[in-house]
Protein backbone atom coordinates (compact mmCIF):
# COMPACT_ATOMS: atom_id res chain seq x y z
CA MET A 1 60.81 14.02 -69.64
CA THR A 2 60.09 10.74 -67.82
CA ALA A 3 59.10 7.91 -70.17
CA LEU A 4 55.54 6.66 -69.64
CA ILE A 5 56.69 3.16 -68.70
CA GLU A 6 58.85 4.62 -65.90
CA LYS A 7 55.99 6.45 -64.22
CA ASP A 8 54.14 5.10 -61.18
CA PHE A 9 50.56 3.93 -61.79
CA PHE A 10 49.69 4.19 -58.10
CA THR A 11 50.73 7.81 -57.57
CA ASP A 12 50.87 9.58 -60.93
CA PRO A 13 47.69 11.69 -61.31
CA ASP A 14 47.73 11.63 -65.10
CA ILE A 15 47.92 7.83 -65.23
CA LEU A 16 45.23 7.42 -62.61
CA LEU A 17 42.92 9.60 -64.67
CA ASP A 18 43.66 7.68 -67.90
CA PRO A 19 45.49 4.36 -67.32
CA TYR A 20 45.11 2.71 -70.71
CA ALA A 21 48.16 4.10 -72.52
CA TYR A 22 50.36 3.23 -69.54
CA PHE A 23 49.15 -0.36 -69.45
CA GLU A 24 49.73 -0.75 -73.17
CA GLU A 25 53.35 0.19 -72.57
CA VAL A 26 53.58 -2.36 -69.76
CA ARG A 27 51.96 -4.95 -72.02
CA LYS A 28 54.89 -4.58 -74.46
CA LEU A 29 57.11 -6.10 -71.75
CA GLY A 30 54.93 -9.23 -71.67
CA PRO A 31 51.60 -10.36 -70.19
CA ILE A 32 53.34 -10.65 -66.78
CA ALA A 33 56.12 -8.13 -66.36
CA GLN A 34 58.07 -6.04 -63.88
CA PRO A 35 58.02 -2.38 -64.91
CA PRO A 36 61.35 -0.52 -64.65
CA GLY A 37 62.16 0.56 -61.12
CA LYS A 38 59.26 -1.34 -59.54
CA ASP A 39 59.45 -4.23 -57.07
CA TYR A 40 56.16 -5.87 -58.12
CA LEU A 41 54.80 -7.60 -61.19
CA VAL A 42 51.97 -6.28 -63.37
CA VAL A 43 49.59 -8.67 -65.15
CA THR A 44 48.08 -7.37 -68.40
CA GLY A 45 47.27 -10.75 -69.98
CA PHE A 46 43.75 -12.15 -69.83
CA SER A 47 44.63 -15.84 -69.59
CA GLU A 48 47.39 -15.15 -67.06
CA ALA A 49 45.02 -13.16 -64.86
CA LEU A 50 42.43 -15.91 -65.10
CA GLU A 51 44.98 -18.50 -63.99
CA ILE A 52 45.98 -16.37 -61.01
CA PHE A 53 42.37 -15.72 -59.98
CA ARG A 54 41.63 -19.45 -60.06
CA ASN A 55 44.71 -20.43 -58.08
CA ALA A 56 43.89 -19.39 -54.53
CA ALA A 57 46.33 -21.98 -53.17
CA ASP A 58 49.43 -20.23 -54.50
CA PHE A 59 48.11 -16.66 -54.64
CA SER A 60 46.80 -14.91 -51.54
CA SER A 61 44.19 -12.14 -51.74
CA SER A 62 45.53 -10.58 -48.53
CA ILE A 63 46.80 -7.45 -50.33
CA ALA A 64 43.82 -6.99 -52.66
CA LEU A 65 42.81 -3.73 -50.98
CA GLN A 66 46.11 -2.09 -50.06
CA SER A 67 47.65 -2.78 -53.53
CA ALA A 68 50.83 -4.38 -54.81
CA SER A 69 52.77 -1.15 -54.37
CA VAL A 70 52.82 -1.37 -50.56
CA PRO A 71 55.86 -3.33 -49.24
CA LEU A 72 55.28 -6.24 -46.88
CA THR A 73 56.09 -5.73 -43.21
CA PHE A 74 58.29 -8.84 -43.24
CA GLU A 75 61.09 -10.24 -45.38
CA PRO A 76 59.78 -13.30 -47.28
CA GLN A 77 61.83 -16.42 -46.58
CA GLY A 78 61.87 -19.64 -48.59
CA PRO A 79 59.63 -21.18 -51.25
CA ASP A 80 56.47 -21.05 -49.09
CA ILE A 81 55.65 -18.00 -46.97
CA SER A 82 52.19 -19.12 -45.84
CA GLU A 83 53.14 -19.26 -42.16
CA GLN A 84 54.94 -15.91 -42.33
CA LEU A 85 51.94 -14.34 -43.96
CA GLU A 86 49.57 -15.56 -41.23
CA GLU A 87 51.93 -14.23 -38.53
CA HIS A 88 51.83 -10.77 -40.13
CA ARG A 89 48.34 -10.74 -41.61
CA SER A 90 47.05 -8.23 -39.06
CA ASP A 91 49.62 -5.72 -40.40
CA ILE A 92 47.79 -5.55 -43.73
CA LEU A 93 45.22 -2.88 -44.47
CA GLY A 94 41.70 -4.31 -44.29
CA HIS A 95 42.87 -7.76 -43.13
CA ASN A 96 39.48 -8.33 -41.49
CA LEU A 97 37.51 -7.70 -44.71
CA VAL A 98 36.32 -10.61 -46.80
CA VAL A 99 38.00 -9.28 -49.94
CA ASN A 100 41.39 -9.86 -48.28
CA MET A 101 40.70 -13.23 -46.67
CA ASP A 102 42.10 -16.61 -47.72
CA ASP A 103 41.37 -20.28 -47.09
CA HIS A 104 39.01 -21.30 -44.27
CA PRO A 105 38.11 -17.78 -43.02
CA HIS A 106 37.23 -16.77 -46.58
CA THR A 107 35.25 -19.96 -47.21
CA ASN A 108 33.22 -19.30 -44.06
CA MET A 109 32.45 -15.71 -44.98
CA ARG A 110 31.55 -16.55 -48.56
CA ALA A 111 29.19 -19.23 -47.30
CA LEU A 112 27.30 -16.54 -45.42
CA ILE A 113 27.30 -14.15 -48.38
CA ASN A 114 26.20 -16.76 -50.91
CA ARG A 115 23.13 -17.51 -48.83
CA LEU A 116 22.16 -13.84 -48.86
CA PHE A 117 22.41 -12.86 -52.53
CA VAL A 118 20.08 -15.60 -53.72
CA PRO A 119 17.82 -15.07 -56.78
CA SER A 120 14.60 -15.04 -54.75
CA ARG A 121 15.82 -12.19 -52.53
CA LEU A 122 17.17 -10.20 -55.49
CA LYS A 123 13.82 -10.72 -57.22
CA ALA A 124 12.01 -9.23 -54.22
CA ASN A 125 14.46 -6.32 -54.12
CA GLU A 126 13.83 -5.61 -57.80
CA LEU A 127 10.42 -4.13 -56.95
CA PHE A 128 12.11 -1.41 -54.89
CA ILE A 129 14.73 -0.95 -57.66
CA ARG A 130 12.02 -0.35 -60.25
CA GLN A 131 10.00 2.02 -58.09
CA TYR A 132 12.98 4.08 -56.97
CA SER A 133 14.58 4.28 -60.43
CA GLU A 134 11.25 5.39 -61.88
CA GLU A 135 11.05 8.17 -59.29
CA LEU A 136 14.63 9.38 -59.87
CA VAL A 137 14.42 9.30 -63.65
CA ARG A 138 11.08 11.13 -63.84
CA GLU A 139 12.34 13.86 -61.48
CA ALA A 140 15.46 14.33 -63.61
CA ILE A 141 13.44 14.49 -66.83
CA ASP A 142 11.11 17.10 -65.32
CA LYS A 143 14.20 19.28 -64.71
CA GLY A 144 15.50 18.66 -68.23
CA GLY A 145 18.62 16.93 -66.98
CA CYS A 146 20.84 16.23 -63.97
CA GLU A 147 24.35 15.62 -62.70
CA LEU A 148 24.17 11.87 -63.03
CA ILE A 149 26.74 10.72 -60.46
CA SER A 150 25.70 12.72 -57.38
CA GLU A 151 21.99 13.18 -58.11
CA ILE A 152 21.10 9.70 -59.37
CA ALA A 153 23.87 7.08 -59.41
CA THR A 154 25.18 7.42 -55.85
CA PRO A 155 21.84 7.78 -54.01
CA PHE A 156 20.34 5.04 -56.19
CA VAL A 157 22.91 2.35 -55.42
CA THR A 158 23.09 3.41 -51.77
CA LEU A 159 19.36 3.03 -51.18
CA VAL A 160 19.13 -0.20 -53.20
CA ILE A 161 21.64 -1.98 -50.94
CA ALA A 162 20.09 -0.33 -47.87
CA ASP A 163 16.69 -1.79 -48.85
CA LEU A 164 18.19 -5.20 -49.56
CA LEU A 165 20.00 -5.40 -46.21
CA GLY A 166 17.13 -3.97 -44.20
CA VAL A 167 18.59 -0.63 -43.11
CA PRO A 168 15.72 1.35 -41.49
CA ALA A 169 14.26 4.08 -43.67
CA GLU A 170 14.95 6.74 -41.04
CA ASP A 171 18.70 6.00 -41.12
CA ARG A 172 19.18 5.88 -44.89
CA GLN A 173 19.91 9.59 -45.32
CA PHE A 174 22.80 9.19 -42.86
CA PHE A 175 24.34 6.47 -45.03
CA MET A 176 23.82 8.54 -48.15
CA ASN A 177 25.66 11.44 -46.51
CA VAL A 178 28.53 9.21 -45.43
CA ILE A 179 28.99 7.81 -48.93
CA LYS A 180 28.64 11.23 -50.55
CA ASN A 181 31.32 12.77 -48.35
CA SER A 182 33.82 9.92 -48.66
CA ALA A 183 36.71 9.65 -51.09
CA VAL A 184 36.53 6.70 -53.48
CA PRO A 185 38.72 3.67 -52.55
CA GLY A 186 42.31 4.07 -53.68
CA SER A 187 41.94 7.82 -54.19
CA LEU A 188 44.83 10.26 -53.99
CA ASP A 189 42.36 12.47 -52.16
CA SER A 190 42.17 10.04 -49.23
CA SER A 191 43.77 11.77 -46.26
CA GLU A 192 44.98 8.61 -44.58
CA ASN A 193 45.42 5.00 -45.63
CA THR A 194 43.73 3.42 -42.62
CA HIS A 195 40.34 2.03 -41.64
CA ASP A 196 40.47 2.84 -37.92
CA ARG A 197 40.06 6.62 -38.03
CA PRO A 198 36.90 7.67 -36.16
CA ASP A 199 35.66 9.49 -39.29
CA HIS A 200 36.36 6.63 -41.69
CA PRO A 201 33.14 5.54 -43.46
CA PHE A 202 33.52 1.93 -42.27
CA VAL A 203 33.85 3.10 -38.67
CA LEU A 204 30.89 5.45 -38.91
CA MET A 205 28.69 2.80 -40.52
CA GLY A 206 29.97 0.09 -38.17
CA GLY A 207 28.28 1.68 -35.16
CA TYR A 208 24.93 1.55 -36.92
CA PHE A 209 25.36 -2.04 -38.10
CA TYR A 210 26.34 -3.08 -34.56
CA LYS A 211 22.97 -1.72 -33.40
CA TYR A 212 21.08 -3.40 -36.24
CA ILE A 213 22.62 -6.84 -35.76
CA GLN A 214 22.20 -6.77 -31.99
CA ASP A 215 18.52 -5.97 -32.51
CA ARG A 216 18.12 -8.74 -35.13
CA ILE A 217 19.63 -11.29 -32.76
CA GLU A 218 16.78 -10.64 -30.35
CA ASN A 219 14.10 -9.61 -32.86
CA PRO A 220 14.68 -11.29 -36.23
CA ARG A 221 12.85 -9.94 -39.28
CA ASP A 222 12.57 -10.87 -42.94
CA ASP A 223 15.77 -9.19 -44.12
CA ILE A 224 19.42 -9.94 -44.79
CA LEU A 225 20.63 -8.41 -41.51
CA SER A 226 18.40 -10.88 -39.64
CA GLU A 227 19.83 -13.77 -41.67
CA LEU A 228 23.33 -12.60 -40.77
CA ALA A 229 22.46 -12.22 -37.12
CA GLN A 230 21.01 -15.77 -36.99
CA SER A 231 23.63 -17.37 -39.29
CA SER A 232 26.09 -20.18 -38.74
CA TYR A 233 29.18 -21.28 -40.60
CA PRO A 234 29.06 -24.53 -42.65
CA ASP A 235 30.50 -26.45 -39.68
CA GLY A 236 27.71 -25.22 -37.40
CA SER A 237 29.80 -22.73 -35.42
CA LYS A 238 28.54 -19.18 -34.88
CA PRO A 239 30.36 -16.12 -36.25
CA GLN A 240 31.69 -13.53 -33.81
CA LEU A 241 29.60 -10.39 -33.61
CA GLN A 242 32.46 -8.22 -34.91
CA ASP A 243 32.85 -10.50 -37.93
CA LEU A 244 29.18 -10.00 -38.78
CA ILE A 245 29.52 -6.24 -38.38
CA ASP A 246 32.60 -6.17 -40.63
CA LEU A 247 30.80 -8.29 -43.23
CA ALA A 248 27.66 -6.14 -43.20
CA VAL A 249 29.69 -2.92 -43.53
CA PHE A 250 31.72 -4.39 -46.36
CA MET A 251 28.64 -5.63 -48.23
CA PHE A 252 27.07 -2.20 -47.88
CA GLY A 253 30.16 -0.27 -48.92
CA ALA A 254 31.90 -2.51 -51.43
CA GLY A 255 29.58 -2.05 -54.35
CA GLN A 256 28.73 1.58 -53.80
CA ASP A 257 31.44 3.20 -55.89
CA THR A 258 31.78 0.47 -58.50
CA SER A 259 28.03 0.34 -59.24
CA ALA A 260 27.69 4.14 -59.26
CA LYS A 261 30.68 4.50 -61.56
CA LEU A 262 29.34 1.79 -63.87
CA ILE A 263 26.24 3.93 -64.33
CA GLY A 264 28.37 6.90 -65.34
CA ASN A 265 30.66 4.88 -67.60
CA ALA A 266 27.71 3.22 -69.33
CA MET A 267 25.88 6.52 -69.83
CA ARG A 268 28.93 7.95 -71.54
CA TYR A 269 28.92 5.11 -74.10
CA LEU A 270 25.15 5.25 -74.48
CA VAL A 271 25.41 8.89 -75.48
CA ASP A 272 28.54 8.83 -77.63
CA GLU A 273 28.27 5.55 -79.54
CA PRO A 274 26.43 6.45 -82.77
CA GLY A 275 22.86 5.14 -82.85
CA LEU A 276 23.27 3.12 -79.64
CA GLN A 277 20.52 4.66 -77.54
CA ASP A 278 18.01 4.42 -80.39
CA GLN A 279 18.97 0.76 -80.84
CA LEU A 280 18.42 0.06 -77.15
CA ARG A 281 15.10 1.92 -77.08
CA ALA A 282 13.91 -0.27 -79.94
CA ASP A 283 15.13 -3.41 -78.19
CA PRO A 284 15.59 -3.07 -74.41
CA THR A 285 16.93 -6.66 -74.19
CA LEU A 286 20.17 -5.23 -75.58
CA ILE A 287 20.74 -3.16 -72.44
CA ALA A 288 22.23 -6.14 -70.58
CA PRO A 289 24.87 -6.99 -73.24
CA MET A 290 25.63 -3.28 -73.58
CA LEU A 291 26.48 -3.14 -69.88
CA GLU A 292 28.68 -6.24 -70.18
CA GLU A 293 30.68 -4.61 -72.98
CA VAL A 294 31.09 -1.46 -70.88
CA LEU A 295 32.26 -3.62 -67.99
CA ARG A 296 34.86 -5.19 -70.29
CA LEU A 297 35.97 -2.01 -71.98
CA GLU A 298 35.79 0.40 -69.04
CA GLY A 299 34.91 -1.50 -65.90
CA SER A 300 34.62 0.28 -62.58
CA SER A 301 37.69 -1.43 -61.08
CA LYS A 302 41.12 -0.80 -62.57
CA MET A 303 43.29 -2.88 -60.32
CA THR A 304 43.41 -5.62 -57.72
CA ALA A 305 46.36 -7.45 -56.20
CA ARG A 306 47.64 -10.86 -55.15
CA LEU A 307 50.59 -12.09 -53.12
CA ALA A 308 52.44 -15.26 -54.16
CA ARG A 309 52.45 -17.58 -51.16
CA ARG A 310 54.53 -20.27 -52.84
CA ASP A 311 57.07 -20.44 -55.62
CA THR A 312 55.05 -21.02 -58.76
CA GLU A 313 54.85 -20.30 -62.48
CA VAL A 314 52.24 -18.58 -64.65
CA GLY A 315 52.44 -18.18 -68.40
CA GLY A 316 56.04 -19.35 -68.44
CA VAL A 317 57.06 -16.73 -65.86
CA LYS A 318 58.56 -18.04 -62.62
CA ILE A 319 57.16 -16.23 -59.60
CA LYS A 320 58.88 -16.44 -56.22
CA ALA A 321 57.01 -16.65 -52.95
CA GLY A 322 56.57 -13.16 -51.52
CA THR A 323 56.12 -11.50 -54.91
CA ARG A 324 53.45 -8.82 -54.98
CA ILE A 325 51.32 -8.87 -58.14
CA ALA A 326 49.18 -6.09 -59.56
CA VAL A 327 46.39 -7.55 -61.70
CA ALA A 328 45.46 -4.74 -64.12
CA LEU A 329 41.74 -5.27 -64.64
CA ALA A 330 41.71 -2.22 -66.91
CA SER A 331 44.21 -3.94 -69.18
CA ILE A 332 43.38 -7.65 -69.14
CA SER A 333 39.98 -6.82 -70.63
CA ARG A 334 41.78 -5.19 -73.56
CA ASP A 335 44.09 -8.10 -74.31
CA GLU A 336 43.93 -8.58 -78.07
CA ARG A 337 44.86 -12.24 -77.67
CA ARG A 338 41.41 -12.71 -76.11
CA TRP A 339 39.28 -9.89 -77.54
CA PRO A 340 39.43 -8.91 -81.26
CA GLU A 341 39.62 -5.14 -81.67
CA PRO A 342 39.84 -4.84 -77.88
CA HIS A 343 39.64 -1.03 -77.68
CA LYS A 344 36.43 -0.88 -79.73
CA PHE A 345 32.91 -0.89 -78.28
CA MET A 346 31.05 -3.84 -79.81
CA LEU A 347 27.43 -4.58 -78.86
CA ASN A 348 26.74 -8.32 -78.50
CA ARG A 349 30.43 -9.13 -78.61
CA PRO A 350 30.82 -12.96 -78.67
CA GLY A 351 31.65 -14.42 -75.25
CA ILE A 352 31.28 -11.03 -73.56
CA LYS A 353 30.21 -12.46 -70.19
CA GLU A 354 33.62 -14.12 -69.91
CA HIS A 355 35.21 -10.76 -69.01
CA LEU A 356 36.95 -10.59 -65.63
CA SER A 357 35.68 -7.24 -64.39
CA PHE A 358 33.93 -9.00 -61.49
CA GLY A 359 36.91 -11.28 -60.93
CA ARG A 360 36.83 -15.06 -61.13
CA GLY A 361 37.38 -17.99 -58.83
CA ALA A 362 36.99 -17.88 -55.05
CA HIS A 363 36.83 -14.08 -54.98
CA THR A 364 34.30 -13.54 -57.75
CA CYS A 365 32.28 -10.48 -56.77
CA ALA A 366 29.29 -11.72 -54.77
CA GLY A 367 27.37 -8.53 -55.53
CA ALA A 368 27.70 -8.89 -59.32
CA PRO A 369 24.09 -10.15 -59.76
CA LEU A 370 22.76 -7.16 -57.83
CA ALA A 371 24.91 -4.70 -59.80
CA ARG A 372 23.71 -6.15 -63.09
CA VAL A 373 20.05 -5.90 -62.07
CA GLU A 374 20.08 -2.42 -60.56
CA VAL A 375 22.03 -0.78 -63.41
CA ARG A 376 20.01 -2.56 -66.11
CA VAL A 377 16.71 -1.47 -64.57
CA LEU A 378 17.88 2.12 -64.22
CA PHE A 379 18.84 2.28 -67.90
CA GLU A 380 15.53 0.70 -68.87
CA LYS A 381 13.80 3.61 -67.13
CA PHE A 382 16.06 6.23 -68.73
CA LEU A 383 15.37 4.87 -72.20
CA GLU A 384 11.66 4.24 -71.60
CA HIS A 385 10.92 7.83 -70.62
CA THR A 386 13.24 9.79 -72.95
CA SER A 387 13.45 10.43 -76.65
CA ARG A 388 17.04 11.68 -76.46
CA ILE A 389 19.88 11.79 -73.95
CA THR A 390 22.91 14.03 -74.49
CA LEU A 391 25.80 15.37 -72.45
CA ASP A 392 25.80 19.05 -71.58
CA PRO A 393 28.17 20.61 -74.17
CA ALA A 394 28.92 23.54 -71.85
CA ARG A 395 30.34 21.07 -69.33
CA HIS A 396 31.64 18.23 -71.48
CA GLY A 397 32.29 19.63 -74.96
CA THR A 398 31.27 17.82 -78.11
CA THR A 399 31.40 14.12 -79.02
CA SER A 400 34.65 14.64 -80.92
CA ASP A 401 36.21 16.73 -78.14
CA ARG A 402 34.94 15.41 -74.81
CA LYS A 403 35.93 17.08 -71.54
CA LEU A 404 35.56 14.45 -68.81
CA GLU A 405 37.02 14.25 -65.32
CA PHE A 406 37.75 10.87 -63.78
CA GLU A 407 38.39 10.00 -60.15
CA PRO A 408 42.12 9.98 -59.25
CA SER A 409 42.01 6.45 -57.82
CA PHE A 410 44.18 3.40 -58.41
CA ILE A 411 41.19 1.13 -57.75
CA VAL A 412 38.08 2.81 -59.14
CA ARG A 413 37.58 3.83 -62.79
CA GLY A 414 34.76 6.32 -62.95
CA LEU A 415 33.70 9.85 -63.70
CA SER A 416 33.62 12.39 -60.89
CA GLU A 417 30.66 14.06 -62.57
CA LEU A 418 28.53 13.72 -65.69
CA HIS A 419 25.97 16.35 -66.64
CA VAL A 420 23.25 14.93 -68.88
CA LYS A 421 20.40 16.55 -70.75
CA LEU A 422 17.17 14.57 -70.94
CA GLU A 423 14.43 15.05 -73.53
CA ALA A 424 11.10 13.57 -72.47
CA LYS A 425 9.32 11.14 -74.72
CA PRO A 426 6.33 12.92 -76.40
């Protein structure tokens, strides 16, 4: 039998469904270590991951999407591979997406994004969030329950971002269908590791966003797509049309799976942690810290990656230029050097907002404020209108013997389905 430490996180179905035991084995090798038989490093230490996230000069985000397991298309030469990387950047999966950008191109794109997700716009979007969550929750309660992921979480987060961006109401069902029929990022179920297939979600959505942005250039409105269409970079130059389309598609798609999976992960804890839902009903202000602890303990993203551009050192470990690094988000949030009793759910855990589930540094998730608002409001509605929420025992067993299916993805940590029973408040 193959030892756990010798298995491959990126391809082993059992590890993808439950990664925590594997990462604890890797952690025994050190907070930054090279697992046996692998040609990349794995970071399981909180402080080490934080240092890497903050050091965008030495660590490139160019491989964030394709993962540390994919070999480079060139042989790294010397103590600084920055020029080599730029020569071969177009070889990398998703090189045109903001999550993979570095330096000036990334600064330009983030300048556009940061102007869009401002508190005033999120505040205006919250009205739609409250109305739509109320509608979804009441419908589910009337039926006595629902399959949370497909019936509520996915359509909810899809229409929230559609409303924020300004996607026309008549097109929103198309986007919901595209998201529903797509494999989650990093899934073993993905048929092909490319973004240029005609049926890839980004390609399908790109045609619609091309139409929207072209229209907003000529007929601006009061929405984010209009702001994008009329935007300029900090130096006053205008973005290329394709860059705006890529950014709009990424903003629409990036948070879909992670926010939907956060809803499922949080509901699981809400139901199974003794007394938790009653505590939150009595004091809804505790919903926000509950979600932060779920993000720490079982965040929606398991893994991201960095590429060392220069010879450097982190946590006493020398790292050569060209080294691919897997930052195990699922593990760094369970580092006992940072979090006492790291595997335990603890409401109002001290310093909880310091978790790294949304990243840190230049690539901190720009959609984090939206995710926090939309999921919090949805749970407020669930708790406001129910007296009890349970999981369907026929589908998921009992609290002491849960039967749960997670997505087989090296990126996303989330349930493929969650059947809940909802008892209406008298």
